[in-house]
Amino acid sequence: MAESPERGSKENVPEAASKEAAGPEQAVKEKPKPKEKKAKDEEKGRPSVGAALIAAAKPAPRYAPTYRLEPKNPMKQERLEIVVKSEMNKNYADDYTFHPKYSLHMAAQVAEDIKARIKLLNFDRYRYIVLITVGEYLMQGLYSMANFLWDAEKDGYVNYTIETPNYFAVCTVFYIYFD
């Protein structure tokens, strides 16, 4: 039967022989006790491995329902329109030229900027979806559709379009109420 290189190597044989010759007391002194190691880790500010496993095993906290049906800071669509218009006009102004590679990255960045500015308004209990479509006019057509279930009283969208002779940019922000 072939032994692994670690067991059969000649380098490890003298070490094993010296440990046996030194006696069992020497081997016990070299091996750190688990309690000492745990105490050393806690002194350094690190939790022990056992504490990490116990913390990971705890379930996530559950919160009691509020039974509140309306948000404390309700959505104001006019404020949302102002944010969308200002960001779109700032980024897709007259000096913008369409480029397929760079327009993708710019649209993603503008969408993140719009979402960040909307979140700063602190509308309570809303989730946001920001879609930006940028295209070049080259005798082609574009059809787009979004279909999902929503509450007609609390959910809605804001749409803003910029059109020039060379390109178009459409931003749609969906706001969805989340209990």
N, C-alpha and C. Protein backbone atom coordinates (compact mmCIF):
# COMPACT_ATOMS: atom_id res chain seq x y z
N MET A 1 0.84 -1.17 0.00
CA MET A 1 0.00 0.00 0.00
C MET A 1 0.89 1.24 0.00
N ALA A 2 0.61 2.18 -0.89
CA ALA A 2 1.45 3.37 -1.00
C ALA A 2 1.04 4.38 0.06
N GLU A 3 2.04 4.96 0.69
CA GLU A 3 1.78 5.96 1.70
C GLU A 3 1.86 7.34 1.08
N SER A 4 1.21 8.30 1.69
CA SER A 4 1.24 9.67 1.17
C SER A 4 2.65 10.23 1.37
N PRO A 5 3.03 11.23 0.60
CA PRO A 5 4.38 11.80 0.72
C PRO A 5 4.64 12.38 2.10
N GLU A 6 3.62 12.84 2.78
CA GLU A 6 3.86 13.44 4.09
C GLU A 6 4.28 12.39 5.11
N ARG A 7 3.63 11.22 5.08
CA ARG A 7 3.94 10.18 6.06
C ARG A 7 5.24 9.46 5.74
N GLY A 8 5.49 9.26 4.47
CA GLY A 8 6.65 8.46 4.10
C GLY A 8 7.91 9.28 3.88
N SER A 9 7.87 10.58 4.04
CA SER A 9 9.07 11.36 3.75
C SER A 9 10.10 11.18 4.86
N LYS A 10 11.34 11.26 4.48
CA LYS A 10 12.44 11.06 5.43
C LYS A 10 12.61 12.28 6.34
N GLU A 11 12.09 13.44 5.89
CA GLU A 11 12.24 14.65 6.69
C GLU A 11 11.41 14.57 7.96
N ASN A 12 10.25 13.94 7.90
CA ASN A 12 9.36 13.87 9.05
C ASN A 12 9.75 12.78 10.04
N VAL A 13 10.52 11.78 9.60
CA VAL A 13 10.88 10.66 10.47
C VAL A 13 11.74 11.12 11.65
N PRO A 14 12.77 11.93 11.49
CA PRO A 14 13.56 12.35 12.64
C PRO A 14 12.73 13.18 13.62
N GLU A 15 11.82 13.98 13.14
CA GLU A 15 11.00 14.79 14.04
C GLU A 15 10.12 13.88 14.88
N ALA A 16 9.52 12.88 14.25
CA ALA A 16 8.64 11.97 14.98
C ALA A 16 9.45 11.18 16.01
N ALA A 17 10.67 10.77 15.66
CA ALA A 17 11.51 10.01 16.58
C ALA A 17 11.92 10.90 17.76
N SER A 18 12.21 12.17 17.50
CA SER A 18 12.63 13.06 18.60
C SER A 18 11.46 13.33 19.55
N LYS A 19 10.22 13.40 19.02
CA LYS A 19 9.06 13.62 19.88
C LYS A 19 8.83 12.41 20.78
N GLU A 20 9.01 11.19 20.20
CA GLU A 20 8.81 9.98 21.00
C GLU A 20 9.91 9.87 22.06
N ALA A 21 11.11 10.27 21.70
CA ALA A 21 12.22 10.17 22.63
C ALA A 21 12.07 11.18 23.77
N ALA A 22 11.50 12.32 23.48
CA ALA A 22 11.35 13.35 24.50
C ALA A 22 10.32 12.97 25.54
N GLY A 23 9.39 12.11 25.21
CA GLY A 23 8.39 11.67 26.17
C GLY A 23 7.05 12.33 25.94
N PRO A 24 6.01 11.78 26.53
CA PRO A 24 4.67 12.33 26.31
C PRO A 24 4.47 13.70 26.94
N GLU A 25 5.23 14.04 28.00
CA GLU A 25 5.06 15.34 28.62
C GLU A 25 5.44 16.46 27.66
N GLN A 26 6.52 16.25 26.91
CA GLN A 26 6.99 17.24 25.95
C GLN A 26 5.93 17.47 24.87
N ALA A 27 5.32 16.40 24.36
CA ALA A 27 4.32 16.53 23.31
C ALA A 27 3.11 17.29 23.79
N VAL A 28 2.72 17.09 25.04
CA VAL A 28 1.56 17.78 25.59
C VAL A 28 1.85 19.27 25.75
N LYS A 29 3.08 19.63 26.14
CA LYS A 29 3.44 21.03 26.33
C LYS A 29 3.45 21.78 25.01
N GLU A 30 3.85 21.12 23.92
CA GLU A 30 3.91 21.78 22.62
C GLU A 30 2.52 22.04 22.06
N LYS A 31 1.59 21.19 22.38
CA LYS A 31 0.25 21.31 21.83
C LYS A 31 -0.54 22.32 22.68
N PRO A 32 -1.04 23.44 22.08
CA PRO A 32 -1.78 24.43 22.87
C PRO A 32 -3.14 23.89 23.25
N LYS A 33 -3.56 24.26 24.44
CA LYS A 33 -4.87 23.83 24.91
C LYS A 33 -5.94 24.68 24.24
N PRO A 34 -7.07 24.07 23.93
CA PRO A 34 -8.13 24.84 23.27
C PRO A 34 -8.63 26.00 24.11
N LYS A 35 -8.69 25.86 25.43
CA LYS A 35 -9.17 26.94 26.28
C LYS A 35 -8.21 28.12 26.25
N GLU A 36 -6.91 27.85 26.22
CA GLU A 36 -5.92 28.93 26.17
C GLU A 36 -6.02 29.68 24.85
N LYS A 37 -6.22 28.93 23.77
CA LYS A 37 -6.31 29.56 22.46
C LYS A 37 -7.56 30.45 22.41
N LYS A 38 -8.66 29.97 22.96
CA LYS A 38 -9.88 30.74 22.98
C LYS A 38 -9.69 32.03 23.78
N ALA A 39 -9.02 31.94 24.91
CA ALA A 39 -8.78 33.12 25.74
C ALA A 39 -7.88 34.12 25.01
N LYS A 40 -6.87 33.62 24.29
CA LYS A 40 -5.97 34.51 23.56
C LYS A 40 -6.73 35.23 22.45
N ASP A 41 -7.62 34.51 21.74
CA ASP A 41 -8.39 35.14 20.68
C ASP A 41 -9.31 36.22 21.24
N GLU A 42 -9.92 35.96 22.39
CA GLU A 42 -10.83 36.93 22.98
C GLU A 42 -10.07 38.15 23.49
N GLU A 43 -8.83 37.96 23.97
CA GLU A 43 -8.03 39.09 24.42
C GLU A 43 -7.69 40.01 23.25
N LYS A 44 -7.49 39.43 22.08
CA LYS A 44 -7.14 40.23 20.90
C LYS A 44 -8.38 40.86 20.26
N GLY A 45 -9.56 40.57 20.78
CA GLY A 45 -10.76 41.16 20.23
C GLY A 45 -11.41 40.32 19.14
N ARG A 46 -10.90 39.13 18.90
CA ARG A 46 -11.48 38.25 17.90
C ARG A 46 -12.37 37.23 18.59
N PRO A 47 -13.54 36.99 18.06
CA PRO A 47 -14.38 35.95 18.66
C PRO A 47 -13.81 34.58 18.32
N SER A 48 -14.05 33.63 19.18
CA SER A 48 -13.57 32.29 18.93
C SER A 48 -14.43 31.64 17.86
N VAL A 49 -13.94 30.52 17.33
CA VAL A 49 -14.64 29.82 16.26
C VAL A 49 -15.99 29.33 16.75
N GLY A 50 -16.06 28.85 17.97
CA GLY A 50 -17.32 28.36 18.53
C GLY A 50 -18.34 29.47 18.65
N ALA A 51 -17.89 30.66 19.04
CA ALA A 51 -18.81 31.79 19.17
C ALA A 51 -19.36 32.20 17.80
N ALA A 52 -18.53 32.11 16.77
CA ALA A 52 -18.99 32.45 15.42
C ALA A 52 -20.04 31.46 14.94
N LEU A 53 -19.86 30.18 15.26
CA LEU A 53 -20.84 29.18 14.86
C LEU A 53 -22.15 29.38 15.59
N ILE A 54 -22.09 29.74 16.86
CA ILE A 54 -23.31 29.98 17.63
C ILE A 54 -24.04 31.20 17.08
N ALA A 55 -23.29 32.25 16.73
CA ALA A 55 -23.90 33.47 16.19
C ALA A 55 -24.54 33.19 14.84
N ALA A 56 -23.93 32.35 14.02
CA ALA A 56 -24.47 32.04 12.71
C ALA A 56 -25.72 31.17 12.82
N ALA A 57 -25.85 30.41 13.88
CA ALA A 57 -26.99 29.52 14.04
C ALA A 57 -28.24 30.25 14.52
N LYS A 58 -28.11 31.47 15.04
CA LYS A 58 -29.26 32.21 15.53
C LYS A 58 -30.14 32.63 14.35
N PRO A 59 -31.46 32.50 14.49
CA PRO A 59 -32.34 32.93 13.40
C PRO A 59 -32.40 34.45 13.30
N ALA A 60 -32.79 34.92 12.14
CA ALA A 60 -32.92 36.35 11.92
C ALA A 60 -34.06 36.89 12.78
N PRO A 61 -33.92 38.10 13.30
CA PRO A 61 -34.99 38.64 14.15
C PRO A 61 -36.26 38.90 13.35
N ARG A 62 -37.37 38.62 13.97
CA ARG A 62 -38.66 38.88 13.34
C ARG A 62 -39.29 40.07 14.04
N TYR A 63 -39.92 40.91 13.25
CA TYR A 63 -40.51 42.12 13.79
C TYR A 63 -42.03 41.97 13.85
N ALA A 64 -42.60 42.60 14.83
CA ALA A 64 -44.05 42.57 14.97
C ALA A 64 -44.68 43.43 13.88
N PRO A 65 -45.83 43.03 13.37
CA PRO A 65 -46.48 43.85 12.34
C PRO A 65 -46.94 45.19 12.90
N THR A 66 -46.92 46.21 12.06
CA THR A 66 -47.29 47.55 12.51
C THR A 66 -48.78 47.82 12.29
N TYR A 67 -49.42 47.06 11.44
CA TYR A 67 -50.83 47.23 11.09
C TYR A 67 -51.10 48.62 10.53
N ARG A 68 -50.10 49.21 9.97
CA ARG A 68 -50.22 50.52 9.34
C ARG A 68 -50.41 50.30 7.85
N LEU A 69 -51.45 50.88 7.27
CA LEU A 69 -51.74 50.67 5.86
C LEU A 69 -51.25 51.80 4.97
N GLU A 70 -50.98 52.94 5.52
CA GLU A 70 -50.53 54.08 4.75
C GLU A 70 -49.10 54.45 5.15
N PRO A 71 -48.30 54.94 4.21
CA PRO A 71 -46.93 55.35 4.56
C PRO A 71 -46.92 56.64 5.37
N LYS A 72 -45.90 56.80 6.20
CA LYS A 72 -45.76 58.04 6.97
C LYS A 72 -45.36 59.20 6.06
N ASN A 73 -44.50 58.94 5.09
CA ASN A 73 -44.08 59.94 4.12
C ASN A 73 -44.56 59.47 2.75
N PRO A 74 -45.77 59.84 2.33
CA PRO A 74 -46.32 59.30 1.08
C PRO A 74 -45.58 59.81 -0.16
N MET A 75 -45.71 59.04 -1.23
CA MET A 75 -45.07 59.37 -2.51
C MET A 75 -45.72 60.60 -3.12
N LYS A 76 -44.87 61.52 -3.57
CA LYS A 76 -45.33 62.70 -4.29
C LYS A 76 -44.76 62.61 -5.70
N GLN A 77 -45.64 62.34 -6.64
CA GLN A 77 -45.22 62.10 -8.01
C GLN A 77 -44.56 63.34 -8.63
N GLU A 78 -44.98 64.52 -8.23
CA GLU A 78 -44.40 65.75 -8.78
C GLU A 78 -42.91 65.86 -8.43
N ARG A 79 -42.56 65.51 -7.21
CA ARG A 79 -41.15 65.56 -6.79
C ARG A 79 -40.33 64.54 -7.55
N LEU A 80 -40.93 63.39 -7.82
CA LEU A 80 -40.25 62.34 -8.58
C LEU A 80 -40.00 62.81 -10.02
N GLU A 81 -40.98 63.48 -10.62
CA GLU A 81 -40.82 63.99 -11.98
C GLU A 81 -39.70 65.02 -12.07
N ILE A 82 -39.59 65.86 -11.05
CA ILE A 82 -38.54 66.88 -11.04
C ILE A 82 -37.16 66.22 -11.01
N VAL A 83 -37.00 65.19 -10.20
CA VAL A 83 -35.71 64.49 -10.10
C VAL A 83 -35.37 63.84 -11.44
N VAL A 84 -36.33 63.16 -12.05
CA VAL A 84 -36.07 62.46 -13.32
C VAL A 84 -35.72 63.46 -14.41
N LYS A 85 -36.48 64.54 -14.53
CA LYS A 85 -36.21 65.54 -15.57
C LYS A 85 -34.83 66.19 -15.39
N SER A 86 -34.49 66.53 -14.16
CA SER A 86 -33.20 67.20 -13.96
C SER A 86 -32.03 66.28 -14.28
N GLU A 87 -32.09 65.02 -13.87
CA GLU A 87 -30.99 64.09 -14.16
C GLU A 87 -30.89 63.77 -15.65
N MET A 88 -32.02 63.58 -16.29
CA MET A 88 -31.99 63.28 -17.72
C MET A 88 -31.49 64.47 -18.53
N ASN A 89 -31.95 65.67 -18.21
CA ASN A 89 -31.50 66.86 -18.94
C ASN A 89 -30.02 67.14 -18.68
N LYS A 90 -29.55 66.84 -17.48
CA LYS A 90 -28.13 67.07 -17.17
C LYS A 90 -27.23 66.12 -17.97
N ASN A 91 -27.64 64.87 -18.11
CA ASN A 91 -26.78 63.88 -18.75
C ASN A 91 -26.99 63.75 -20.26
N TYR A 92 -28.21 63.95 -20.73
CA TYR A 92 -28.50 63.82 -22.16
C TYR A 92 -28.80 65.18 -22.75
N ALA A 93 -27.89 66.11 -22.57
CA ALA A 93 -28.05 67.47 -23.08
C ALA A 93 -27.65 67.52 -24.56
N ASP A 94 -27.54 68.73 -25.10
CA ASP A 94 -27.23 68.91 -26.52
C ASP A 94 -25.85 68.41 -26.89
N ASP A 95 -24.91 68.39 -25.95
CA ASP A 95 -23.54 67.97 -26.27
C ASP A 95 -23.38 66.44 -26.26
N TYR A 96 -24.42 65.70 -25.94
CA TYR A 96 -24.34 64.23 -25.89
C TYR A 96 -24.40 63.67 -27.31
N THR A 97 -23.50 62.74 -27.61
CA THR A 97 -23.54 62.01 -28.88
C THR A 97 -23.65 60.53 -28.59
N PHE A 98 -24.49 59.85 -29.34
CA PHE A 98 -24.75 58.44 -29.09
C PHE A 98 -23.57 57.59 -29.55
N HIS A 99 -23.14 56.68 -28.69
CA HIS A 99 -22.14 55.67 -29.03
C HIS A 99 -22.60 54.37 -28.39
N PRO A 100 -22.71 53.28 -29.15
CA PRO A 100 -23.30 52.05 -28.60
C PRO A 100 -22.60 51.53 -27.35
N LYS A 101 -21.28 51.58 -27.32
CA LYS A 101 -20.54 51.02 -26.19
C LYS A 101 -20.66 51.90 -24.94
N TYR A 102 -20.49 53.19 -25.10
CA TYR A 102 -20.49 54.09 -23.95
C TYR A 102 -21.89 54.42 -23.45
N SER A 103 -22.88 54.36 -24.34
CA SER A 103 -24.25 54.68 -23.94
C SER A 103 -24.80 53.68 -22.94
N LEU A 104 -24.39 52.43 -23.05
CA LEU A 104 -24.83 51.40 -22.10
C LEU A 104 -24.35 51.74 -20.69
N HIS A 105 -23.08 52.06 -20.56
CA HIS A 105 -22.52 52.38 -19.25
C HIS A 105 -23.09 53.70 -18.70
N MET A 106 -23.29 54.64 -19.60
CA MET A 106 -23.84 55.91 -19.15
C MET A 106 -25.29 55.74 -18.68
N ALA A 107 -26.07 54.95 -19.39
CA ALA A 107 -27.46 54.71 -18.99
C ALA A 107 -27.52 54.02 -17.63
N ALA A 108 -26.62 53.08 -17.39
CA ALA A 108 -26.58 52.41 -16.08
C ALA A 108 -26.22 53.40 -14.98
N GLN A 109 -25.27 54.28 -15.25
CA GLN A 109 -24.87 55.28 -14.25
C GLN A 109 -25.98 56.28 -13.98
N VAL A 110 -26.66 56.72 -15.03
CA VAL A 110 -27.76 57.67 -14.85
C VAL A 110 -28.90 57.03 -14.06
N ALA A 111 -29.18 55.75 -14.33
CA ALA A 111 -30.22 55.04 -13.58
C ALA A 111 -29.87 54.96 -12.10
N GLU A 112 -28.62 54.68 -11.79
CA GLU A 112 -28.18 54.64 -10.39
C GLU A 112 -28.27 56.01 -9.73
N ASP A 113 -27.92 57.06 -10.48
CA ASP A 113 -28.00 58.42 -9.94
C ASP A 113 -29.45 58.81 -9.63
N ILE A 114 -30.35 58.47 -10.55
CA ILE A 114 -31.77 58.78 -10.34
C ILE A 114 -32.29 58.02 -9.13
N LYS A 115 -31.96 56.74 -9.03
CA LYS A 115 -32.43 55.94 -7.90
C LYS A 115 -31.89 56.48 -6.58
N ALA A 116 -30.64 56.89 -6.56
CA ALA A 116 -30.04 57.43 -5.34
C ALA A 116 -30.72 58.73 -4.93
N ARG A 117 -31.00 59.60 -5.90
CA ARG A 117 -31.66 60.87 -5.57
C ARG A 117 -33.09 60.65 -5.09
N ILE A 118 -33.78 59.66 -5.66
CA ILE A 118 -35.14 59.35 -5.21
C ILE A 118 -35.12 58.81 -3.79
N LYS A 119 -34.15 57.97 -3.48
CA LYS A 119 -34.06 57.42 -2.13
C LYS A 119 -33.77 58.50 -1.10
N LEU A 120 -33.09 59.56 -1.49
CA LEU A 120 -32.81 60.67 -0.57
C LEU A 120 -34.09 61.42 -0.18
N LEU A 121 -35.14 61.28 -1.00
CA LEU A 121 -36.41 61.94 -0.67
C LEU A 121 -37.14 61.23 0.47
N ASN A 122 -36.70 60.04 0.84
CA ASN A 122 -37.22 59.27 1.97
C ASN A 122 -38.72 58.99 1.91
N PHE A 123 -39.20 58.60 0.74
CA PHE A 123 -40.59 58.16 0.66
C PHE A 123 -40.67 56.82 1.37
N ASP A 124 -41.60 56.70 2.30
CA ASP A 124 -41.70 55.54 3.16
C ASP A 124 -42.36 54.37 2.42
N ARG A 125 -41.77 53.19 2.56
CA ARG A 125 -42.33 51.91 2.10
C ARG A 125 -42.49 51.82 0.58
N TYR A 126 -41.56 52.33 -0.18
CA TYR A 126 -41.61 52.22 -1.63
C TYR A 126 -40.34 51.58 -2.15
N ARG A 127 -40.50 50.80 -3.20
CA ARG A 127 -39.39 50.22 -3.96
C ARG A 127 -39.40 50.88 -5.33
N TYR A 128 -38.21 51.02 -5.93
CA TYR A 128 -38.10 51.75 -7.18
C TYR A 128 -37.44 50.89 -8.25
N ILE A 129 -37.94 51.00 -9.45
CA ILE A 129 -37.34 50.36 -10.62
C ILE A 129 -37.10 51.47 -11.63
N VAL A 130 -35.86 51.65 -12.04
CA VAL A 130 -35.50 52.71 -12.98
C VAL A 130 -35.03 52.04 -14.28
N LEU A 131 -35.74 52.32 -15.36
CA LEU A 131 -35.39 51.80 -16.68
C LEU A 131 -35.01 52.96 -17.58
N ILE A 132 -33.86 52.85 -18.22
CA ILE A 132 -33.43 53.87 -19.17
C ILE A 132 -33.12 53.19 -20.49
N THR A 133 -33.74 53.69 -21.54
CA THR A 133 -33.52 53.17 -22.88
C THR A 133 -32.95 54.29 -23.73
N VAL A 134 -31.81 54.04 -24.34
CA VAL A 134 -31.17 55.02 -25.21
C VAL A 134 -30.94 54.36 -26.56
N GLY A 135 -31.32 55.05 -27.62
CA GLY A 135 -31.15 54.49 -28.96
C GLY A 135 -30.85 55.57 -29.97
N GLU A 136 -30.36 55.12 -31.11
CA GLU A 136 -30.01 56.02 -32.20
C GLU A 136 -31.04 55.87 -33.31
N TYR A 137 -31.41 56.99 -33.92
CA TYR A 137 -32.37 56.93 -35.03
C TYR A 137 -31.64 56.48 -36.30
N LEU A 138 -31.88 55.26 -36.72
CA LEU A 138 -31.29 54.73 -37.96
C LEU A 138 -32.35 53.93 -38.73
N MET A 139 -33.54 54.48 -38.87
CA MET A 139 -34.61 53.84 -39.63
C MET A 139 -35.05 52.50 -39.03
N GLN A 140 -35.01 52.39 -37.74
CA GLN A 140 -35.43 51.14 -37.10
C GLN A 140 -36.62 51.43 -36.19
N GLY A 141 -37.25 50.38 -35.73
CA GLY A 141 -38.37 50.52 -34.81
C GLY A 141 -38.00 49.93 -33.46
N LEU A 142 -38.74 50.34 -32.46
CA LEU A 142 -38.51 49.82 -31.11
C LEU A 142 -39.86 49.65 -30.44
N TYR A 143 -40.08 48.48 -29.91
CA TYR A 143 -41.27 48.22 -29.12
C TYR A 143 -40.82 47.71 -27.77
N SER A 144 -41.46 48.22 -26.74
CA SER A 144 -41.11 47.82 -25.39
C SER A 144 -42.39 47.67 -24.58
N MET A 145 -42.39 46.69 -23.69
CA MET A 145 -43.56 46.48 -22.86
C MET A 145 -43.13 45.96 -21.50
N ALA A 146 -43.78 46.43 -20.47
CA ALA A 146 -43.57 45.91 -19.13
C ALA A 146 -44.94 45.52 -18.59
N ASN A 147 -45.01 44.34 -18.01
CA ASN A 147 -46.29 43.83 -17.54
C ASN A 147 -46.10 43.20 -16.18
N PHE A 148 -46.77 43.74 -15.17
CA PHE A 148 -46.73 43.15 -13.84
C PHE A 148 -47.94 43.61 -13.06
N LEU A 149 -48.18 42.97 -11.96
CA LEU A 149 -49.33 43.25 -11.13
C LEU A 149 -48.99 44.32 -10.11
N TRP A 150 -49.87 45.31 -9.97
CA TRP A 150 -49.63 46.33 -8.97
C TRP A 150 -50.94 46.89 -8.45
N ASP A 151 -50.83 47.64 -7.38
CA ASP A 151 -51.97 48.28 -6.76
C ASP A 151 -52.18 49.63 -7.45
N ALA A 152 -53.33 49.83 -8.06
CA ALA A 152 -53.57 51.03 -8.84
C ALA A 152 -53.63 52.29 -7.97
N GLU A 153 -53.93 52.15 -6.69
CA GLU A 153 -54.02 53.31 -5.81
C GLU A 153 -52.66 53.79 -5.30
N LYS A 154 -51.74 52.86 -5.04
CA LYS A 154 -50.48 53.22 -4.39
C LYS A 154 -49.27 53.13 -5.31
N ASP A 155 -49.33 52.33 -6.35
CA ASP A 155 -48.21 52.15 -7.26
C ASP A 155 -48.39 53.04 -8.48
N GLY A 156 -47.29 53.33 -9.15
CA GLY A 156 -47.37 54.16 -10.34
C GLY A 156 -46.03 54.25 -11.05
N TYR A 157 -45.98 55.16 -12.02
CA TYR A 157 -44.73 55.34 -12.77
C TYR A 157 -44.62 56.77 -13.24
N VAL A 158 -43.38 57.14 -13.54
CA VAL A 158 -43.06 58.45 -14.11
C VAL A 158 -42.27 58.17 -15.37
N ASN A 159 -42.64 58.82 -16.45
CA ASN A 159 -41.99 58.60 -17.73
C ASN A 159 -41.49 59.94 -18.27
N TYR A 160 -40.25 59.96 -18.78
CA TYR A 160 -39.69 61.18 -19.36
C TYR A 160 -38.89 60.81 -20.60
N THR A 161 -39.09 61.56 -21.68
CA THR A 161 -38.45 61.25 -22.96
C THR A 161 -37.70 62.46 -23.47
N ILE A 162 -36.50 62.21 -23.98
CA ILE A 162 -35.72 63.24 -24.66
C ILE A 162 -35.51 62.75 -26.09
N GLU A 163 -35.88 63.59 -27.05
CA GLU A 163 -35.73 63.22 -28.46
C GLU A 163 -34.94 64.31 -29.18
N THR A 164 -33.97 63.88 -29.95
CA THR A 164 -33.21 64.77 -30.83
C THR A 164 -33.21 64.13 -32.21
N PRO A 165 -32.71 64.80 -33.22
CA PRO A 165 -32.68 64.17 -34.55
C PRO A 165 -31.75 62.94 -34.62
N ASN A 166 -30.80 62.82 -33.69
CA ASN A 166 -29.84 61.72 -33.75
C ASN A 166 -30.16 60.56 -32.80
N TYR A 167 -30.73 60.83 -31.66
CA TYR A 167 -30.95 59.78 -30.66
C TYR A 167 -32.20 60.08 -29.85
N PHE A 168 -32.61 59.09 -29.07
CA PHE A 168 -33.70 59.26 -28.11
C PHE A 168 -33.26 58.63 -26.80
N ALA A 169 -33.80 59.15 -25.71
CA ALA A 169 -33.53 58.61 -24.37
C ALA A 169 -34.85 58.63 -23.60
N VAL A 170 -35.23 57.46 -23.10
CA VAL A 170 -36.48 57.32 -22.38
C VAL A 170 -36.17 56.79 -20.98
N CYS A 171 -36.68 57.48 -19.96
CA CYS A 171 -36.50 57.04 -18.59
C CYS A 171 -37.88 56.76 -18.00
N THR A 172 -38.05 55.58 -17.44
CA THR A 172 -39.28 55.21 -16.77
C THR A 172 -38.93 54.77 -15.36
N VAL A 173 -39.57 55.38 -14.38
CA VAL A 173 -39.36 55.02 -12.98
C VAL A 173 -40.68 54.46 -12.46
N PHE A 174 -40.64 53.22 -12.03
CA PHE A 174 -41.80 52.58 -11.40
C PHE A 174 -41.61 52.67 -9.89
N TYR A 175 -42.64 53.09 -9.20
CA TYR A 175 -42.60 53.09 -7.74
C TYR A 175 -43.70 52.15 -7.26
N ILE A 176 -43.30 51.20 -6.42
CA ILE A 176 -44.18 50.14 -5.97
C ILE A 176 -44.24 50.16 -4.46
N TYR A 177 -45.44 50.21 -3.93
CA TYR A 177 -45.65 50.25 -2.49
C TYR A 177 -45.32 48.89 -1.89
N PHE A 178 -44.60 48.90 -0.78
CA PHE A 178 -44.15 47.66 -0.13
C PHE A 178 -44.53 47.73 1.33
N ASP A 179 -45.44 46.83 1.76
CA ASP A 179 -45.89 46.82 3.17
C ASP A 179 -44.75 46.47 4.09
